[in-house]
């Protein structure tokens, strides 16, 4: 088959989908890599718009493969710092929902006959059983409160992450201040501590359907 041909001829075939692999991405440092992912996502959006407006014939598979490679690397090697981990999780959620939006728009245009139905690359992020349900809770930050108490900068870090998550989604933050937030979380910790009986408690910042929430639950005992 022509689509499976090898060598120089295959590299000029516009139907050939990009080969996914580590060669698409060489890690440097987490913040530079996340800056790169942000720029690639913006470029991906521009190139998809060019495809939808029929300025180019094929979807931006190569650009999407470059984004996938960065996401895959840091899913296997999660950032250590809370702020970096939060930023990465936020970018991944944005990337997933953006791909879902592009896929819906593409199907609509194909059904209307505006663009041709073309082969679509499958990835572990967007296809099959791993397709994204935006109503399913996505974890942005998870922390463990030892013996049910916030230590060090845990409360402050959680507040910053919560505030940034709301700001990134265009939600109201002008009236959001640290003291009332901390008091509310302390009440939740008191309740969870009573249920936990001295066990550790998990603080989890999640998003579902655009709503950002903080859940406080006792850590489950290992069976």
Foldseek 3Di string as FASTA:
>chain_A
DQCPDDDPSNVPDPQHADDADCVLDDDDDLVVLLVVLVVLLVVLVVQLVCCLVVVDQDRPRSSVSSNVNSLVVCVVVPDDDQVSQLSSLVSLLVSLVVVVVSVVVVVVCCVVVVHPDGDDDDDCCDDDPNHDDLQDKRWRGKDKAQQLHDDDCRLVSVLVSQLVLCVVLVHDCPPPDSPVSSVVVSVLSVVQSVVQVRAIKMWTWIDGPSDIDIHIHGDDDDD
